[in-house]
């Protein structure tokens, strides 16, 4: 039986892989990481550089076979291909850079009758399991961290440290997710505020790329779009990162610090794809 962990580079997938290794050993264990950096050389695009250090340490700690996948594209390449700016409701980036490449690898290398796929959600996210199970068919999908003993993310981080594995630095900096270098189109106002305050150069790159995509979409479709939205008088309106920057500087009370979004590229399936 092959045991395939969708290895996102976050603490949840490390903990899930650790439990799988403890239960089944590592002879048939595969840790599949799909990189969103593409061929971009900038540290301000794609994964946080410390993610790669963490993955190396995590693989050495867990064992098994590490599978690295990189399509050669980053998220902005994908958005330009689709003439569409990703947001919390539709994520071509997840589908094209993570879900589909991982599914292609599964189908090329694993028999559904002899394979279990694992994801890194915990016991607080069990509501996601029906969709995950359905969309991984005909493969069987499981989430080891939804089972007892139940652990919070902070406990998983403590576990990694006890194992001699330093967690990704974004957690220590206060980010809830280790996605896309602290960004992510599924992130919220609070997370992008954190990005601006702690990594202004990375925020500036997101801002530049978003402004470029806003112009392209406006020209092609005549629509005003942005990664973020907010409700004004009951109406949803775009909240561009340039505007967010101004408000963080001049009107910080307008920012919802608790809006951190819900990142999860191997967990949330859009209605155009069945590849996660």
C-alpha atoms as a PDB file:
ATOM      1  CA  UNK A   1       0.000   0.000   0.000  1.00  0.00           C
ATOM      2  CA  UNK A   2       1.342   3.421  -0.978  1.00  0.00           C
ATOM      3  CA  UNK A   3       0.893   6.262   1.489  1.00  0.00           C
ATOM      4  CA  UNK A   4       0.985   9.664  -0.231  1.00  0.00           C
ATOM      5  CA  UNK A   5       1.053  12.831   1.878  1.00  0.00           C
ATOM      6  CA  UNK A   6       0.208  16.122   0.201  1.00  0.00           C
ATOM      7  CA  UNK A   7       3.154  17.921   1.742  1.00  0.00           C
ATOM      8  CA  UNK A   8       2.358  21.623   1.672  1.00  0.00           C
ATOM      9  CA  UNK A   9       5.322  22.925   3.632  1.00  0.00           C
ATOM     10  CA  UNK A  10       3.094  23.757   6.601  1.00  0.00           C
ATOM     11  CA  UNK A  11       3.140  22.310  10.088  1.00  0.00           C
ATOM     12  CA  UNK A  12      -0.126  20.390   9.578  1.00  0.00           C
ATOM     13  CA  UNK A  13       1.203  18.320   6.705  1.00  0.00           C
ATOM     14  CA  UNK A  14       4.414  17.617   8.662  1.00  0.00           C
ATOM     15  CA  UNK A  15       2.379  16.340  11.606  1.00  0.00           C
ATOM     16  CA  UNK A  16       0.130  14.266   9.319  1.00  0.00           C
ATOM     17  CA  UNK A  17       3.150  12.708   7.604  1.00  0.00           C
ATOM     18  CA  UNK A  18       4.714  11.999  10.969  1.00  0.00           C
ATOM     19  CA  UNK A  19       1.656  10.056  12.102  1.00  0.00           C
ATOM     20  CA  UNK A  20       1.515   8.116   8.839  1.00  0.00           C
ATOM     21  CA  UNK A  21       5.198   7.196   9.202  1.00  0.00           C
ATOM     22  CA  UNK A  22       4.670   6.092  12.788  1.00  0.00           C
ATOM     23  CA  UNK A  23       1.742   3.876  11.822  1.00  0.00           C
ATOM     24  CA  UNK A  24       2.873   2.410   8.515  1.00  0.00           C
ATOM     25  CA  UNK A  25       6.619   2.980   8.306  1.00  0.00           C
ATOM     26  CA  UNK A  26       8.411   4.792   5.496  1.00  0.00           C
ATOM     27  CA  UNK A  27       9.092   2.149   2.833  1.00  0.00           C
ATOM     28  CA  UNK A  28       6.001   3.157   0.842  1.00  0.00           C
ATOM     29  CA  UNK A  29       5.664   6.734   2.084  1.00  0.00           C
ATOM     30  CA  UNK A  30       5.712   9.605  -0.424  1.00  0.00           C
ATOM     31  CA  UNK A  31       5.858  13.291   0.507  1.00  0.00           C
ATOM     32  CA  UNK A  32       4.581  15.322  -2.452  1.00  0.00           C
ATOM     33  CA  UNK A  33       5.435  19.029  -2.537  1.00  0.00           C
ATOM     34  CA  UNK A  34       4.221  21.232  -5.383  1.00  0.00           C
ATOM     35  CA  UNK A  35       6.163  24.480  -5.621  1.00  0.00           C
ATOM     36  CA  UNK A  36       4.441  27.727  -6.645  1.00  0.00           C
ATOM     37  CA  UNK A  37       7.663  29.654  -7.284  1.00  0.00           C
ATOM     38  CA  UNK A  38       8.026  28.544 -10.877  1.00  0.00           C
ATOM     39  CA  UNK A  39      11.158  29.895 -12.538  1.00  0.00           C
ATOM     40  CA  UNK A  40      11.008  33.220 -10.720  1.00  0.00           C
ATOM     41  CA  UNK A  41      14.298  34.097  -9.032  1.00  0.00           C
ATOM     42  CA  UNK A  42      12.884  36.700  -6.651  1.00  0.00           C
ATOM     43  CA  UNK A  43      12.429  35.808  -2.978  1.00  0.00           C
ATOM     44  CA  UNK A  44       9.345  38.040  -3.043  1.00  0.00           C
ATOM     45  CA  UNK A  45       7.451  35.655  -5.338  1.00  0.00           C
ATOM     46  CA  UNK A  46       6.259  32.182  -4.388  1.00  0.00           C
ATOM     47  CA  UNK A  47       7.111  30.315  -1.223  1.00  0.00           C
ATOM     48  CA  UNK A  48       8.976  31.932   1.639  1.00  0.00           C
ATOM     49  CA  UNK A  49      12.657  30.932   1.279  1.00  0.00           C
ATOM     50  CA  UNK A  50      12.599  29.325   4.727  1.00  0.00           C
ATOM     51  CA  UNK A  51       9.964  26.870   3.488  1.00  0.00           C
ATOM     52  CA  UNK A  52      12.630  24.980   1.546  1.00  0.00           C
ATOM     53  CA  UNK A  53      14.855  24.740   4.611  1.00  0.00           C
ATOM     54  CA  UNK A  54      11.903  23.422   6.606  1.00  0.00           C
ATOM     55  CA  UNK A  55      11.015  20.846   3.954  1.00  0.00           C
ATOM     56  CA  UNK A  56      14.578  19.547   3.842  1.00  0.00           C
ATOM     57  CA  UNK A  57      14.623  19.216   7.637  1.00  0.00           C
ATOM     58  CA  UNK A  58      11.141  17.698   7.713  1.00  0.00           C
ATOM     59  CA  UNK A  59      11.907  15.065   5.075  1.00  0.00           C
ATOM     60  CA  UNK A  60      15.085  14.092   6.921  1.00  0.00           C
ATOM     61  CA  UNK A  61      13.071  13.776  10.126  1.00  0.00           C
ATOM     62  CA  UNK A  62      10.127  11.821   8.683  1.00  0.00           C
ATOM     63  CA  UNK A  63      11.753   9.606   6.077  1.00  0.00           C
ATOM     64  CA  UNK A  64      10.086   8.266   2.969  1.00  0.00           C
ATOM     65  CA  UNK A  65      10.472   9.477  -0.610  1.00  0.00           C
ATOM     66  CA  UNK A  66      10.322  13.179  -1.356  1.00  0.00           C
ATOM     67  CA  UNK A  67       8.539  14.166  -4.581  1.00  0.00           C
ATOM     68  CA  UNK A  68       9.188  17.698  -5.838  1.00  0.00           C
ATOM     69  CA  UNK A  69       6.913  19.170  -8.512  1.00  0.00           C
ATOM     70  CA  UNK A  70       7.357  22.544 -10.201  1.00  0.00           C
ATOM     71  CA  UNK A  71       5.367  23.505 -13.296  1.00  0.00           C
ATOM     72  CA  UNK A  72       7.743  26.369 -14.114  1.00  0.00           C
ATOM     73  CA  UNK A  73       5.010  28.939 -13.456  1.00  0.00           C
ATOM     74  CA  UNK A  74       4.240  31.177 -10.501  1.00  0.00           C
ATOM     75  CA  UNK A  75       0.794  32.412  -9.483  1.00  0.00           C
ATOM     76  CA  UNK A  76       1.069  35.608 -11.502  1.00  0.00           C
ATOM     77  CA  UNK A  77       1.894  33.635 -14.645  1.00  0.00           C
ATOM     78  CA  UNK A  78      -1.303  31.675 -14.079  1.00  0.00           C
ATOM     79  CA  UNK A  79      -3.441  34.759 -13.546  1.00  0.00           C
ATOM     80  CA  UNK A  80      -2.118  36.301 -16.763  1.00  0.00           C
ATOM     81  CA  UNK A  81      -2.854  33.093 -18.685  1.00  0.00           C
ATOM     82  CA  UNK A  82      -6.463  33.160 -17.476  1.00  0.00           C
ATOM     83  CA  UNK A  83      -6.850  36.952 -17.654  1.00  0.00           C
ATOM     84  CA  UNK A  84      -8.284  36.638 -14.187  1.00  0.00           C
ATOM     85  CA  UNK A  85      -7.061  37.817 -10.778  1.00  0.00           C
ATOM     86  CA  UNK A  86      -7.365  35.093  -8.140  1.00  0.00           C
ATOM     87  CA  UNK A  87      -9.342  35.710  -4.979  1.00  0.00           C
ATOM     88  CA  UNK A  88     -10.863  33.773  -2.085  1.00  0.00           C
ATOM     89  CA  UNK A  89     -13.678  32.482  -4.287  1.00  0.00           C
ATOM     90  CA  UNK A  90     -11.754  31.279  -7.330  1.00  0.00           C
ATOM     91  CA  UNK A  91      -8.130  30.181  -7.203  1.00  0.00           C
ATOM     92  CA  UNK A  92      -6.654  29.224 -10.556  1.00  0.00           C
ATOM     93  CA  UNK A  93      -3.277  29.302  -8.824  1.00  0.00           C
ATOM     94  CA  UNK A  94      -4.171  26.405  -6.510  1.00  0.00           C
ATOM     95  CA  UNK A  95      -5.712  24.432  -9.331  1.00  0.00           C
ATOM     96  CA  UNK A  96      -2.939  24.910 -11.906  1.00  0.00           C
ATOM     97  CA  UNK A  97       0.126  24.866  -9.635  1.00  0.00           C
ATOM     98  CA  UNK A  98      -0.843  22.444  -6.878  1.00  0.00           C
ATOM     99  CA  UNK A  99      -4.028  20.455  -7.430  1.00  0.00           C
ATOM    100  CA  UNK A 100      -3.602  19.423 -11.053  1.00  0.00           C
ATOM    101  CA  UNK A 101       0.157  18.666 -10.955  1.00  0.00           C
ATOM    102  CA  UNK A 102      -0.306  16.594  -7.796  1.00  0.00           C
ATOM    103  CA  UNK A 103      -3.228  14.734  -9.358  1.00  0.00           C
ATOM    104  CA  UNK A 104      -1.242  14.095 -12.524  1.00  0.00           C
ATOM    105  CA  UNK A 105       1.579  12.619 -10.438  1.00  0.00           C
ATOM    106  CA  UNK A 106      -0.876  10.438  -8.524  1.00  0.00           C
ATOM    107  CA  UNK A 107      -2.437   9.057 -11.676  1.00  0.00           C
ATOM    108  CA  UNK A 108       0.943   8.396 -13.281  1.00  0.00           C
ATOM    109  CA  UNK A 109       2.479   6.687 -10.261  1.00  0.00           C
ATOM    110  CA  UNK A 110      -0.209   5.290  -7.980  1.00  0.00           C
ATOM    111  CA  UNK A 111      -2.943   2.678  -8.338  1.00  0.00           C
ATOM    112  CA  UNK A 112      -6.158   3.859  -6.608  1.00  0.00           C
ATOM    113  CA  UNK A 113      -6.671   0.316  -5.338  1.00  0.00           C
ATOM    114  CA  UNK A 114      -3.337   0.411  -3.561  1.00  0.00           C
ATOM    115  CA  UNK A 115      -2.976   4.049  -2.462  1.00  0.00           C
ATOM    116  CA  UNK A 116      -4.138   6.271   0.395  1.00  0.00           C
ATOM    117  CA  UNK A 117      -3.777  10.060   0.135  1.00  0.00           C
ATOM    118  CA  UNK A 118      -3.321  12.148   3.280  1.00  0.00           C
ATOM    119  CA  UNK A 119      -3.922  15.857   3.929  1.00  0.00           C
ATOM    120  CA  UNK A 120      -2.901  18.011   6.869  1.00  0.00           C
ATOM    121  CA  UNK A 121      -6.153  19.387   8.265  1.00  0.00           C
ATOM    122  CA  UNK A 122      -6.800  18.987  11.997  1.00  0.00           C
ATOM    123  CA  UNK A 123      -9.799  18.205  14.193  1.00  0.00           C
ATOM    124  CA  UNK A 124     -11.149  21.780  13.906  1.00  0.00           C
ATOM    125  CA  UNK A 125     -11.601  21.348  10.148  1.00  0.00           C
ATOM    126  CA  UNK A 126     -13.433  18.031   9.892  1.00  0.00           C
ATOM    127  CA  UNK A 127     -16.247  19.789   8.004  1.00  0.00           C
ATOM    128  CA  UNK A 128     -13.895  19.837   5.005  1.00  0.00           C
ATOM    129  CA  UNK A 129     -13.526  16.077   4.861  1.00  0.00           C
ATOM    130  CA  UNK A 130     -16.629  15.154   2.797  1.00  0.00           C
ATOM    131  CA  UNK A 131     -15.481  17.384  -0.088  1.00  0.00           C
ATOM    132  CA  UNK A 132     -11.880  16.190   0.222  1.00  0.00           C
ATOM    133  CA  UNK A 133     -12.935  12.534   0.179  1.00  0.00           C
ATOM    134  CA  UNK A 134     -15.213  13.092  -2.815  1.00  0.00           C
ATOM    135  CA  UNK A 135     -12.688  15.019  -4.867  1.00  0.00           C
ATOM    136  CA  UNK A 136      -9.823  12.586  -4.360  1.00  0.00           C
ATOM    137  CA  UNK A 137     -11.889   9.676  -5.681  1.00  0.00           C
ATOM    138  CA  UNK A 138     -11.102   7.023  -6.789  1.00  0.00           C
ATOM    139  CA  UNK A 139      -8.247   7.405  -4.286  1.00  0.00           C
ATOM    140  CA  UNK A 140      -8.984   7.023  -0.599  1.00  0.00           C
ATOM    141  CA  UNK A 141      -8.306  10.227   1.356  1.00  0.00           C
ATOM    142  CA  UNK A 142      -7.629  10.549   5.075  1.00  0.00           C
ATOM    143  CA  UNK A 143      -6.588  13.289   7.515  1.00  0.00           C
ATOM    144  CA  UNK A 144      -4.542  11.830  10.380  1.00  0.00           C
ATOM    145  CA  UNK A 145      -4.661  15.003  12.489  1.00  0.00           C
ATOM    146  CA  UNK A 146      -8.458  14.832  12.727  1.00  0.00           C
ATOM    147  CA  UNK A 147      -8.020  11.746  14.928  1.00  0.00           C
ATOM    148  CA  UNK A 148      -7.138  11.573  18.615  1.00  0.00           C
ATOM    149  CA  UNK A 149      -4.916  12.570  20.247  1.00  0.00           C
ATOM    150  CA  UNK A 150      -6.140  15.964  19.059  1.00  0.00           C
ATOM    151  CA  UNK A 151      -3.546  18.705  18.653  1.00  0.00           C
ATOM    152  CA  UNK A 152      -3.712  22.445  18.069  1.00  0.00           C
ATOM    153  CA  UNK A 153      -1.356  24.069  15.589  1.00  0.00           C
ATOM    154  CA  UNK A 154       0.748  25.364  18.494  1.00  0.00           C
ATOM    155  CA  UNK A 155       1.057  21.815  19.832  1.00  0.00           C
ATOM    156  CA  UNK A 156       2.159  20.579  16.417  1.00  0.00           C
ATOM    157  CA  UNK A 157       4.816  23.288  16.388  1.00  0.00           C
ATOM    158  CA  UNK A 158       5.978  22.176  19.844  1.00  0.00           C
ATOM    159  CA  UNK A 159       6.073  18.577  18.595  1.00  0.00           C
ATOM    160  CA  UNK A 160       8.262  19.551  15.636  1.00  0.00           C
ATOM    161  CA  UNK A 161      10.642  21.456  17.901  1.00  0.00           C
ATOM    162  CA  UNK A 162      10.846  18.452  20.241  1.00  0.00           C
ATOM    163  CA  UNK A 163      11.791  16.381  17.170  1.00  0.00           C
ATOM    164  CA  UNK A 164      14.599  18.810  16.383  1.00  0.00           C
ATOM    165  CA  UNK A 165      12.760  20.367  13.432  1.00  0.00           C
ATOM    166  CA  UNK A 166      12.548  24.156  13.395  1.00  0.00           C
ATOM    167  CA  UNK A 167       9.097  25.190  12.060  1.00  0.00           C
ATOM    168  CA  UNK A 168       8.792  27.618   9.136  1.00  0.00           C
ATOM    169  CA  UNK A 169       9.670  31.128  10.241  1.00  0.00           C
ATOM    170  CA  UNK A 170       6.317  32.599   9.174  1.00  0.00           C
ATOM    171  CA  UNK A 171       4.646  31.014  12.204  1.00  0.00           C
ATOM    172  CA  UNK A 172       7.127  32.682  14.543  1.00  0.00           C
ATOM    173  CA  UNK A 173       6.437  35.991  12.783  1.00  0.00           C
ATOM    174  CA  UNK A 174       2.734  35.635  13.575  1.00  0.00           C
ATOM    175  CA  UNK A 175       1.327  34.289  10.300  1.00  0.00           C
ATOM    176  CA  UNK A 176      -1.338  31.603  10.584  1.00  0.00           C
ATOM    177  CA  UNK A 177      -0.312  29.924   7.329  1.00  0.00           C
ATOM    178  CA  UNK A 178       2.939  29.126   5.541  1.00  0.00           C
ATOM    179  CA  UNK A 179       1.464  29.808   2.102  1.00  0.00           C
ATOM    180  CA  UNK A 180       2.896  31.889  -0.742  1.00  0.00           C
ATOM    181  CA  UNK A 181       5.455  33.673   1.389  1.00  0.00           C
ATOM    182  CA  UNK A 182       2.872  35.186   3.736  1.00  0.00           C
ATOM    183  CA  UNK A 183       0.538  36.307   0.973  1.00  0.00           C
ATOM    184  CA  UNK A 184      -2.078  34.060  -0.713  1.00  0.00           C
ATOM    185  CA  UNK A 185      -5.171  35.205  -2.601  1.00  0.00           C
ATOM    186  CA  UNK A 186      -7.252  33.442   0.055  1.00  0.00           C
ATOM    187  CA  UNK A 187      -5.679  35.546   2.797  1.00  0.00           C
ATOM    188  CA  UNK A 188      -7.510  38.469   4.385  1.00  0.00           C
ATOM    189  CA  UNK A 189      -6.896  42.089   5.372  1.00  0.00           C
ATOM    190  CA  UNK A 190      -5.180  41.131   8.620  1.00  0.00           C
ATOM    191  CA  UNK A 191      -2.675  38.844   6.935  1.00  0.00           C
ATOM    192  CA  UNK A 192      -1.789  41.370   4.241  1.00  0.00           C
ATOM    193  CA  UNK A 193      -1.356  44.020   6.950  1.00  0.00           C
ATOM    194  CA  UNK A 194       1.088  41.664   8.640  1.00  0.00           C
ATOM    195  CA  UNK A 195       2.868  41.210   5.330  1.00  0.00           C
ATOM    196  CA  UNK A 196       3.223  44.973   4.822  1.00  0.00           C
ATOM    197  CA  UNK A 197       4.522  45.595   8.336  1.00  0.00           C
ATOM    198  CA  UNK A 198       6.988  42.699   8.444  1.00  0.00           C
ATOM    199  CA  UNK A 199       7.953  42.190   4.790  1.00  0.00           C
ATOM    200  CA  UNK A 200       7.345  45.492   2.965  1.00  0.00           C
ATOM    201  CA  UNK A 201       9.310  44.439  -0.131  1.00  0.00           C
ATOM    202  CA  UNK A 202       7.181  41.320  -0.539  1.00  0.00           C
ATOM    203  CA  UNK A 203       3.985  43.306  -0.033  1.00  0.00           C
ATOM    204  CA  UNK A 204       5.214  45.786  -2.651  1.00  0.00           C
ATOM    205  CA  UNK A 205       5.657  42.941  -5.158  1.00  0.00           C
ATOM    206  CA  UNK A 206       2.119  41.686  -4.493  1.00  0.00           C
ATOM    207  CA  UNK A 207       0.853  45.251  -4.841  1.00  0.00           C
ATOM    208  CA  UNK A 208       2.728  45.773  -8.133  1.00  0.00           C
ATOM    209  CA  UNK A 209       1.523  42.488  -9.595  1.00  0.00           C
ATOM    210  CA  UNK A 210      -2.063  43.088  -8.469  1.00  0.00           C
ATOM    211  CA  UNK A 211      -2.093  46.553 -10.049  1.00  0.00           C
ATOM    212  CA  UNK A 212      -0.817  45.067 -13.313  1.00  0.00           C
ATOM    213  CA  UNK A 213      -3.545  42.402 -13.252  1.00  0.00           C
ATOM    214  CA  UNK A 214      -6.225  44.966 -12.352  1.00  0.00           C
ATOM    215  CA  UNK A 215      -5.275  46.958 -15.442  1.00  0.00           C
ATOM    216  CA  UNK A 216      -5.295  43.877 -17.675  1.00  0.00           C
ATOM    217  CA  UNK A 217      -8.703  42.709 -16.425  1.00  0.00           C
ATOM    218  CA  UNK A 218     -10.141  46.213 -16.671  1.00  0.00           C
ATOM    219  CA  UNK A 219      -8.944  46.484 -20.266  1.00  0.00           C
ATOM    220  CA  UNK A 220     -10.146  43.026 -21.317  1.00  0.00           C
ATOM    221  CA  UNK A 221     -13.341  42.602 -19.280  1.00  0.00           C
ATOM    222  CA  UNK A 222     -14.189  46.101 -18.099  1.00  0.00           C
ATOM    223  CA  UNK A 223     -14.271  44.931 -14.468  1.00  0.00           C
ATOM    224  CA  UNK A 224     -12.835  46.461 -11.325  1.00  0.00           C
ATOM    225  CA  UNK A 225     -11.235  43.584  -9.419  1.00  0.00           C
ATOM    226  CA  UNK A 226      -8.910  43.035  -6.460  1.00  0.00           C
ATOM    227  CA  UNK A 227      -7.693  40.139  -4.346  1.00  0.00           C
ATOM    228  CA  UNK A 228      -9.510  41.491  -1.290  1.00  0.00           C
ATOM    229  CA  UNK A 229     -13.077  42.702  -0.911  1.00  0.00           C
ATOM    230  CA  UNK A 230     -14.979  44.478   1.834  1.00  0.00           C
ATOM    231  CA  UNK A 231     -18.640  45.179   2.463  1.00  0.00           C
ATOM    232  CA  UNK A 232     -19.767  48.828   2.328  1.00  0.00           C
ATOM    233  CA  UNK A 233     -23.453  49.460   3.082  1.00  0.00           C
ATOM    234  CA  UNK A 234     -24.114  45.799   2.432  1.00  0.00           C
ATOM    235  CA  UNK A 235     -22.393  45.837  -0.962  1.00  0.00           C
ATOM    236  CA  UNK A 236     -19.170  43.942  -1.666  1.00  0.00           C
ATOM    237  CA  UNK A 237     -16.507  46.177  -3.177  1.00  0.00           C
ATOM    238  CA  UNK A 238     -12.890  45.560  -4.265  1.00  0.00           C
ATOM    239  CA  UNK A 239     -10.168  46.506  -1.779  1.00  0.00           C
ATOM    240  CA  UNK A 240      -6.919  46.851  -3.773  1.00  0.00           C
ATOM    241  CA  UNK A 241      -3.645  46.395  -1.926  1.00  0.00           C
ATOM    242  CA  UNK A 242      -2.685  49.994  -2.806  1.00  0.00           C
ATOM    243  CA  UNK A 243      -5.778  51.182  -0.959  1.00  0.00           C
ATOM    244  CA  UNK A 244      -5.079  48.789   1.901  1.00  0.00           C
ATOM    245  CA  UNK A 245      -1.563  50.245   2.220  1.00  0.00           C
ATOM    246  CA  UNK A 246      -2.981  53.785   2.480  1.00  0.00           C
ATOM    247  CA  UNK A 247      -5.509  52.757   5.106  1.00  0.00           C
ATOM    248  CA  UNK A 248      -2.925  50.884   7.167  1.00  0.00           C
ATOM    249  CA  UNK A 249      -0.836  54.070   7.167  1.00  0.00           C
ATOM    250  CA  UNK A 250      -3.557  56.696   7.603  1.00  0.00           C
ATOM    251  CA  UNK A 251      -6.748  54.963   8.804  1.00  0.00           C
ATOM    252  CA  UNK A 252      -5.722  51.727  10.503  1.00  0.00           C
ATOM    253  CA  UNK A 253      -9.070  51.496  12.317  1.00  0.00           C
ATOM    254  CA  UNK A 254     -10.664  50.557   8.979  1.00  0.00           C
ATOM    255  CA  UNK A 255      -8.608  47.336   8.770  1.00  0.00           C
ATOM    256  CA  UNK A 256     -10.064  44.084  10.055  1.00  0.00           C
ATOM    257  CA  UNK A 257      -7.034  42.617  11.825  1.00  0.00           C
ATOM    258  CA  UNK A 258      -8.908  39.373  12.475  1.00  0.00           C
ATOM    259  CA  UNK A 259      -9.561  38.753   8.788  1.00  0.00           C
ATOM    260  CA  UNK A 260      -6.749  36.303   8.022  1.00  0.00           C
ATOM    261  CA  UNK A 261      -8.566  34.275   5.363  1.00  0.00           C
ATOM    262  CA  UNK A 262      -8.568  30.513   4.935  1.00  0.00           C
ATOM    263  CA  UNK A 263      -5.578  29.263   2.967  1.00  0.00           C
ATOM    264  CA  UNK A 264      -5.539  25.599   1.989  1.00  0.00           C
ATOM    265  CA  UNK A 265      -4.472  24.697  -1.542  1.00  0.00           C
ATOM    266  CA  UNK A 266      -4.819  20.927  -1.067  1.00  0.00           C
ATOM    267  CA  UNK A 267      -8.093  21.239   0.843  1.00  0.00           C
ATOM    268  CA  UNK A 268     -10.578  23.572  -0.822  1.00  0.00           C
ATOM    269  CA  UNK A 269     -11.733  22.545  -4.266  1.00  0.00           C
ATOM    270  CA  UNK A 270     -13.080  25.074  -6.737  1.00  0.00           C
ATOM    271  CA  UNK A 271     -15.934  24.000  -8.959  1.00  0.00           C
ATOM    272  CA  UNK A 272     -13.757  23.777 -12.061  1.00  0.00           C
ATOM    273  CA  UNK A 273     -11.389  21.152 -10.740  1.00  0.00           C
ATOM    274  CA  UNK A 274     -11.353  17.755  -9.150  1.00  0.00           C
ATOM    275  CA  UNK A 275      -7.635  17.482  -8.776  1.00  0.00           C
ATOM    276  CA  UNK A 276      -6.774  18.336  -5.186  1.00  0.00           C
END
